[in-house]
Structure formats: C-alpha cells, structure tokens
C-alpha cells in the first residue's frame, strides 16, 4: 500500500523531473550485469523498495515503510534462496521502472492505472 502511494506521487511529478535515486535504480536493475547471488539480490531488492518510497518525498511514509521492512526482512531474504525469485525480481523491478519512473508522454496514462 505504501509503495502504491509512492508510485502515484512519483507519477504526479513534473515531466523531466527524475529523482537521482530512480536513475541509480534503473542502472542497477536494467543496465548493469545481473547478480546471481540471492543474498546480494535480496539486499538490493530491499534497497529498491525503500528507495522507491523515499523518492516520493514523504519522510514519514518512508520511515513507516523502513520499519515494516525491518520486521519482515528475514522472510523476504528466505525467498531469495530460490533462483527463480532472483530472475522474477529483476523482471518485476525493471518493469516497474520502465512503466512508472521513466519520463515519457504516456507516463500519466500509465499512472492513472495505479489503484
């Protein structure tokens, strides 16, 4: 729920305004060579989610998200013991970044699909 709200806020930003954190996420999840180690990917996955929420600009929302993340960390990391989770995470994160975080003329239409 916090991440959906963050995506809505990111979509509402003016065209051409991309937070630096999103550029770094795009580099890691789309452009850089993939990591194969599940433990490393799980750490980057956690950073992805926290950076996405923080980029929306609401400090309280980011703090709450960070608190929840700390409480469920062990469960999320167990998921990355499976190779298919690593592949799925790269695919899902790249899709999110391409769909919602890149500045394109169609971005606002895509953003309206967030419920």
Protein backbone atom coordinates (compact mmCIF):
# COMPACT_ATOMS: atom_id res chain seq x y z
CA UNK A 1 0.00 0.00 0.00
CA UNK A 2 2.83 2.43 0.83
CA UNK A 3 4.58 1.56 -2.41
CA UNK A 4 1.45 2.15 -4.48
CA UNK A 5 1.08 5.57 -2.93
CA UNK A 6 4.74 6.27 -3.64
CA UNK A 7 4.22 5.33 -7.30
CA UNK A 8 1.23 7.66 -7.50
CA UNK A 9 3.30 10.51 -6.10
CA UNK A 10 6.18 9.77 -8.45
CA UNK A 11 3.80 9.81 -11.37
CA UNK A 12 2.47 13.20 -10.32
CA UNK A 13 5.88 14.84 -10.53
CA UNK A 14 6.51 17.28 -13.38
CA UNK A 15 7.75 15.86 -16.67
CA UNK A 16 11.52 15.81 -16.83
CA UNK A 17 11.94 15.58 -13.06
CA UNK A 18 13.54 12.26 -12.18
CA UNK A 19 14.87 11.80 -8.65
CA UNK A 20 18.55 10.68 -8.70
CA UNK A 21 17.64 7.57 -6.70
CA UNK A 22 15.47 6.37 -9.59
CA UNK A 23 18.31 6.81 -12.04
CA UNK A 24 20.50 4.66 -9.79
CA UNK A 25 17.78 2.01 -9.54
CA UNK A 26 17.40 1.99 -13.31
CA UNK A 27 21.13 1.48 -13.71
CA UNK A 28 21.21 -1.47 -11.31
CA UNK A 29 18.01 -3.28 -12.32
CA UNK A 30 18.09 -2.65 -16.09
CA UNK A 31 21.55 -1.66 -17.32
CA UNK A 32 24.15 -3.34 -15.08
CA UNK A 33 25.05 -7.04 -15.35
CA UNK A 34 22.79 -9.20 -13.21
CA UNK A 35 23.91 -10.61 -9.90
CA UNK A 36 23.30 -14.30 -9.33
CA UNK A 37 23.78 -14.44 -5.57
CA UNK A 38 20.39 -14.49 -3.88
CA UNK A 39 21.64 -12.84 -0.69
CA UNK A 40 23.09 -9.88 -2.61
CA UNK A 41 19.97 -9.56 -4.74
CA UNK A 42 17.76 -9.61 -1.63
CA UNK A 43 19.71 -6.67 -0.20
CA UNK A 44 19.32 -4.75 -3.46
CA UNK A 45 15.64 -5.70 -3.53
CA UNK A 46 15.15 -4.19 -0.09
CA UNK A 47 17.01 -1.05 -1.17
CA UNK A 48 14.83 -0.86 -4.29
CA UNK A 49 11.62 -0.79 -2.29
CA UNK A 50 12.93 1.68 0.27
CA UNK A 51 14.37 3.99 -2.41
CA UNK A 52 11.12 3.94 -4.35
CA UNK A 53 9.14 5.04 -1.30
CA UNK A 54 11.76 7.61 -0.26
CA UNK A 55 11.84 9.11 -3.77
CA UNK A 56 8.18 10.06 -3.38
CA UNK A 57 9.33 12.70 -0.91
CA UNK A 58 7.26 11.88 2.18
CA UNK A 59 9.64 11.28 5.07
CA UNK A 60 7.01 9.83 7.40
CA UNK A 61 5.84 7.37 4.77
CA UNK A 62 9.47 6.34 4.17
CA UNK A 63 10.04 5.87 7.91
CA UNK A 64 6.98 3.65 8.31
CA UNK A 65 7.99 1.62 5.26
CA UNK A 66 11.52 1.20 6.66
CA UNK A 67 10.10 -0.02 10.00
CA UNK A 68 7.89 -2.59 8.28
CA UNK A 69 10.79 -3.70 6.07
CA UNK A 70 12.98 -4.34 9.10
CA UNK A 71 10.27 -6.52 10.65
CA UNK A 72 9.80 -8.72 7.58
CA UNK A 73 13.44 -8.81 6.41
CA UNK A 74 14.09 -12.44 7.35
CA UNK A 75 11.03 -13.67 5.48
CA UNK A 76 11.92 -11.73 2.35
CA UNK A 77 15.51 -12.99 2.41
CA UNK A 78 14.39 -16.60 2.67
CA UNK A 79 12.53 -16.11 -0.59
CA UNK A 80 15.82 -15.36 -2.35
CA UNK A 81 17.20 -18.83 -1.70
CA UNK A 82 15.31 -19.83 -4.86
CA UNK A 83 16.87 -18.97 -8.23
CA UNK A 84 13.52 -18.20 -9.85
CA UNK A 85 12.96 -15.46 -7.25
CA UNK A 86 16.14 -13.70 -8.40
CA UNK A 87 15.00 -13.82 -12.04
CA UNK A 88 11.48 -12.69 -11.19
CA UNK A 89 12.77 -9.81 -9.07
CA UNK A 90 14.92 -8.45 -11.89
CA UNK A 91 12.00 -8.73 -14.30
CA UNK A 92 9.46 -7.13 -11.93
CA UNK A 93 11.71 -4.25 -10.86
CA UNK A 94 12.72 -3.45 -14.43
CA UNK A 95 9.04 -3.43 -15.45
CA UNK A 96 8.15 -1.04 -12.61
CA UNK A 97 10.98 1.32 -13.50
CA UNK A 98 10.13 1.28 -17.19
CA UNK A 99 6.42 1.71 -16.65
CA UNK A 100 6.24 4.29 -13.90
CA UNK A 101 9.55 6.01 -13.40
CA UNK A 102 10.73 6.90 -16.88
CA UNK A 103 9.58 10.21 -18.23
CA UNK A 104 7.52 9.56 -21.34
CA UNK A 105 4.47 11.23 -22.88
CA UNK A 106 2.41 8.18 -21.91
CA UNK A 107 3.54 8.17 -18.28
CA UNK A 108 0.48 9.94 -16.92
CA UNK A 109 -1.84 7.48 -18.67
CA UNK A 110 0.08 4.57 -17.15
CA UNK A 111 0.00 6.19 -13.76
CA UNK A 112 -3.75 6.50 -13.81
CA UNK A 113 -3.86 2.69 -13.86
CA UNK A 114 -2.47 2.52 -10.30
CA UNK A 115 -5.25 1.69 -7.89
